[in-house]
Amino acid sequence: MEAKPRRWDPAERAAAAQLDQLEPGWFVTYGVGSRRFVAIAAWRVPSPLRIETASIKELRELMREAESEAARPGELWTRVA
């Protein structure tokens, strides 16, 4: 009997791919092992900017918050929710 590969969490992967297309300043992905959404800033920041959450909605909210905070000089922003 041949085992067929299974695609885990197709809806979450699709949501991450769609958000990645909508947000050119971010690299967005979904980790099937961690079952978490991740966004990494693709724009110049003083230190790496990575956000990790369990929901795509929360990821978008934190991306907007990170963009606002990054606009303030001298402030670092990191968030894992």
N, C-alpha and C. Protein backbone atom coordinates (compact mmCIF):
# COMPACT_ATOMS: atom_id res chain seq x y z
N MET A 1 0.84 -1.17 0.00
CA MET A 1 0.00 0.00 0.00
C MET A 1 0.90 1.24 0.00
N GLU A 2 0.59 2.16 -0.88
CA GLU A 2 1.37 3.39 -0.98
C GLU A 2 0.73 4.49 -0.13
N ALA A 3 1.56 5.13 0.67
CA ALA A 3 1.06 6.23 1.49
C ALA A 3 1.03 7.51 0.66
N LYS A 4 -0.07 8.22 0.74
CA LYS A 4 -0.19 9.49 0.02
C LYS A 4 0.18 10.64 0.95
N PRO A 5 0.92 11.61 0.44
CA PRO A 5 1.26 12.75 1.29
C PRO A 5 0.01 13.54 1.67
N ARG A 6 0.01 14.02 2.88
CA ARG A 6 -1.13 14.81 3.37
C ARG A 6 -0.71 16.27 3.50
N ARG A 7 -1.56 17.15 3.04
CA ARG A 7 -1.30 18.59 3.18
C ARG A 7 -1.96 19.06 4.48
N TRP A 8 -1.12 19.45 5.42
CA TRP A 8 -1.61 19.90 6.72
C TRP A 8 -2.05 21.36 6.67
N ASP A 9 -3.12 21.65 7.36
CA ASP A 9 -3.62 23.02 7.56
C ASP A 9 -3.70 23.84 6.26
N PRO A 10 -4.42 23.35 5.26
CA PRO A 10 -4.46 24.06 3.97
C PRO A 10 -5.07 25.46 4.07
N ALA A 11 -6.07 25.65 4.92
CA ALA A 11 -6.70 26.98 5.05
C ALA A 11 -5.73 27.99 5.65
N GLU A 12 -4.98 27.57 6.66
CA GLU A 12 -4.02 28.47 7.30
C GLU A 12 -2.87 28.80 6.35
N ARG A 13 -2.41 27.79 5.63
CA ARG A 13 -1.33 28.03 4.66
C ARG A 13 -1.79 28.99 3.57
N ALA A 14 -3.02 28.82 3.11
CA ALA A 14 -3.57 29.71 2.08
C ALA A 14 -3.72 31.13 2.61
N ALA A 15 -4.18 31.27 3.87
CA ALA A 15 -4.33 32.60 4.47
C ALA A 15 -2.98 33.30 4.57
N ALA A 16 -1.95 32.56 4.97
CA ALA A 16 -0.61 33.15 5.07
C ALA A 16 -0.09 33.54 3.69
N ALA A 17 -0.32 32.71 2.69
CA ALA A 17 0.13 33.02 1.33
C ALA A 17 -0.57 34.26 0.79
N GLN A 18 -1.87 34.38 1.08
CA GLN A 18 -2.62 35.54 0.63
C GLN A 18 -2.11 36.82 1.31
N LEU A 19 -1.90 36.75 2.62
CA LEU A 19 -1.40 37.93 3.34
C LEU A 19 0.00 38.29 2.85
N ASP A 20 0.81 37.30 2.55
CA ASP A 20 2.15 37.55 2.02
C ASP A 20 2.08 38.33 0.71
N GLN A 21 1.10 38.03 -0.13
CA GLN A 21 0.92 38.74 -1.39
C GLN A 21 0.42 40.17 -1.17
N LEU A 22 -0.41 40.36 -0.15
CA LEU A 22 -0.98 41.67 0.13
C LEU A 22 -0.02 42.62 0.85
N GLU A 23 1.00 42.07 1.47
CA GLU A 23 1.92 42.86 2.30
C GLU A 23 3.35 42.78 1.75
N PRO A 24 3.68 43.63 0.76
CA PRO A 24 5.01 43.54 0.14
C PRO A 24 6.17 43.88 1.09
N GLY A 25 5.90 44.54 2.18
CA GLY A 25 6.95 44.88 3.14
C GLY A 25 7.22 43.79 4.16
N TRP A 26 6.51 42.68 4.02
CA TRP A 26 6.64 41.59 4.98
C TRP A 26 6.77 40.26 4.26
N PHE A 27 7.48 39.33 4.88
CA PHE A 27 7.47 37.93 4.46
C PHE A 27 6.56 37.23 5.45
N VAL A 28 5.48 36.63 4.97
CA VAL A 28 4.49 35.99 5.84
C VAL A 28 4.43 34.51 5.49
N THR A 29 4.43 33.67 6.52
CA THR A 29 4.35 32.23 6.31
C THR A 29 3.59 31.59 7.47
N TYR A 30 3.25 30.31 7.29
CA TYR A 30 2.59 29.54 8.33
C TYR A 30 3.43 28.29 8.57
N GLY A 31 3.75 28.04 9.81
CA GLY A 31 4.53 26.85 10.16
C GLY A 31 3.61 25.69 10.52
N VAL A 32 3.61 24.65 9.69
CA VAL A 32 2.72 23.52 9.99
C VAL A 32 3.20 22.76 11.22
N GLY A 33 4.48 22.82 11.52
CA GLY A 33 4.98 22.16 12.72
C GLY A 33 4.59 22.90 13.99
N SER A 34 4.70 24.21 13.94
CA SER A 34 4.38 25.04 15.12
C SER A 34 2.92 25.44 15.15
N ARG A 35 2.26 25.35 13.98
CA ARG A 35 0.87 25.81 13.81
C ARG A 35 0.71 27.27 14.22
N ARG A 36 1.69 28.07 13.77
CA ARG A 36 1.68 29.50 14.07
C ARG A 36 2.00 30.29 12.80
N PHE A 37 1.44 31.50 12.75
CA PHE A 37 1.71 32.42 11.65
C PHE A 37 2.93 33.25 12.01
N VAL A 38 3.77 33.54 11.02
CA VAL A 38 4.99 34.30 11.25
C VAL A 38 5.11 35.38 10.18
N ALA A 39 5.47 36.59 10.62
CA ALA A 39 5.75 37.69 9.69
C ALA A 39 7.14 38.23 10.03
N ILE A 40 7.94 38.43 8.99
CA ILE A 40 9.28 38.98 9.15
C ILE A 40 9.36 40.22 8.28
N ALA A 41 9.78 41.32 8.89
CA ALA A 41 9.87 42.58 8.14
C ALA A 41 10.88 42.45 7.01
N ALA A 42 10.47 42.90 5.83
CA ALA A 42 11.35 42.88 4.66
C ALA A 42 11.84 44.29 4.34
N TRP A 43 11.67 45.20 5.27
CA TRP A 43 12.11 46.58 5.11
C TRP A 43 13.19 46.85 6.14
N ARG A 44 13.93 47.91 5.91
CA ARG A 44 15.07 48.23 6.77
C ARG A 44 14.61 48.58 8.19
N VAL A 45 15.11 47.81 9.14
CA VAL A 45 14.87 48.06 10.56
C VAL A 45 16.21 47.92 11.29
N PRO A 46 16.37 48.56 12.45
CA PRO A 46 17.66 48.51 13.16
C PRO A 46 18.06 47.10 13.60
N SER A 47 17.07 46.27 13.89
CA SER A 47 17.34 44.88 14.26
C SER A 47 16.23 44.02 13.66
N PRO A 48 16.47 42.72 13.50
CA PRO A 48 15.45 41.87 12.88
C PRO A 48 14.09 42.01 13.57
N LEU A 49 13.05 42.06 12.77
CA LEU A 49 11.69 42.23 13.28
C LEU A 49 10.86 41.02 12.87
N ARG A 50 10.46 40.24 13.86
CA ARG A 50 9.72 39.01 13.62
C ARG A 50 8.52 38.97 14.55
N ILE A 51 7.36 38.60 13.99
CA ILE A 51 6.13 38.49 14.77
C ILE A 51 5.60 37.08 14.59
N GLU A 52 5.15 36.48 15.67
CA GLU A 52 4.62 35.12 15.62
C GLU A 52 3.34 35.06 16.44
N THR A 53 2.26 34.55 15.84
CA THR A 53 0.97 34.46 16.53
C THR A 53 0.24 33.19 16.13
N ALA A 54 -0.84 32.90 16.85
CA ALA A 54 -1.66 31.74 16.54
C ALA A 54 -2.76 32.05 15.52
N SER A 55 -3.08 33.33 15.31
CA SER A 55 -4.16 33.67 14.37
C SER A 55 -3.70 34.70 13.35
N ILE A 56 -4.26 34.61 12.16
CA ILE A 56 -3.91 35.54 11.09
C ILE A 56 -4.41 36.95 11.42
N LYS A 57 -5.55 37.04 12.09
CA LYS A 57 -6.11 38.34 12.48
C LYS A 57 -5.16 39.06 13.44
N GLU A 58 -4.69 38.35 14.43
CA GLU A 58 -3.77 38.95 15.39
C GLU A 58 -2.44 39.31 14.71
N LEU A 59 -2.01 38.49 13.77
CA LEU A 59 -0.78 38.79 13.04
C LEU A 59 -0.89 40.13 12.32
N ARG A 60 -2.00 40.35 11.62
CA ARG A 60 -2.20 41.62 10.91
C ARG A 60 -2.20 42.80 11.87
N GLU A 61 -2.87 42.65 13.01
CA GLU A 61 -2.91 43.73 14.00
C GLU A 61 -1.51 44.06 14.51
N LEU A 62 -0.73 43.03 14.80
CA LEU A 62 0.62 43.25 15.31
C LEU A 62 1.56 43.79 14.24
N MET A 63 1.31 43.45 12.99
CA MET A 63 2.09 44.03 11.89
C MET A 63 1.87 45.54 11.82
N ARG A 64 0.61 45.96 11.93
CA ARG A 64 0.32 47.40 11.91
C ARG A 64 0.96 48.09 13.12
N GLU A 65 0.88 47.45 14.28
CA GLU A 65 1.48 48.02 15.49
C GLU A 65 2.99 48.13 15.33
N ALA A 66 3.61 47.11 14.77
CA ALA A 66 5.07 47.13 14.57
C ALA A 66 5.47 48.23 13.61
N GLU A 67 4.69 48.44 12.56
CA GLU A 67 4.99 49.51 11.61
C GLU A 67 4.92 50.88 12.28
N SER A 68 3.92 51.07 13.14
CA SER A 68 3.79 52.34 13.86
C SER A 68 4.96 52.54 14.82
N GLU A 69 5.30 51.50 15.55
CA GLU A 69 6.40 51.59 16.52
C GLU A 69 7.74 51.78 15.82
N ALA A 70 7.92 51.13 14.68
CA ALA A 70 9.19 51.23 13.95
C ALA A 70 9.40 52.64 13.42
N ALA A 71 8.33 53.38 13.24
CA ALA A 71 8.43 54.75 12.75
C ALA A 71 9.00 55.69 13.81
N ARG A 72 9.00 55.24 15.05
CA ARG A 72 9.56 56.06 16.14
C ARG A 72 11.05 55.78 16.25
N PRO A 73 11.89 56.78 16.06
CA PRO A 73 13.34 56.56 16.12
C PRO A 73 13.80 56.11 17.51
N GLY A 74 14.76 55.21 17.51
CA GLY A 74 15.36 54.77 18.77
C GLY A 74 14.60 53.71 19.52
N GLU A 75 13.50 53.20 18.97
CA GLU A 75 12.72 52.18 19.66
C GLU A 75 12.86 50.84 18.97
N LEU A 76 13.02 49.79 19.74
CA LEU A 76 13.07 48.43 19.20
C LEU A 76 11.74 47.76 19.46
N TRP A 77 11.34 46.88 18.57
CA TRP A 77 10.03 46.24 18.67
C TRP A 77 10.17 44.76 18.36
N THR A 78 9.77 43.93 19.29
CA THR A 78 9.74 42.49 19.06
C THR A 78 8.49 41.95 19.73
N ARG A 79 7.84 40.98 19.09
CA ARG A 79 6.61 40.47 19.69
C ARG A 79 6.37 39.03 19.27
N VAL A 80 6.15 38.18 20.24
CA VAL A 80 5.67 36.82 20.02
C VAL A 80 4.45 36.69 20.89
N ALA A 81 3.30 36.48 20.28
CA ALA A 81 2.05 36.39 21.05
C ALA A 81 1.57 34.96 21.10
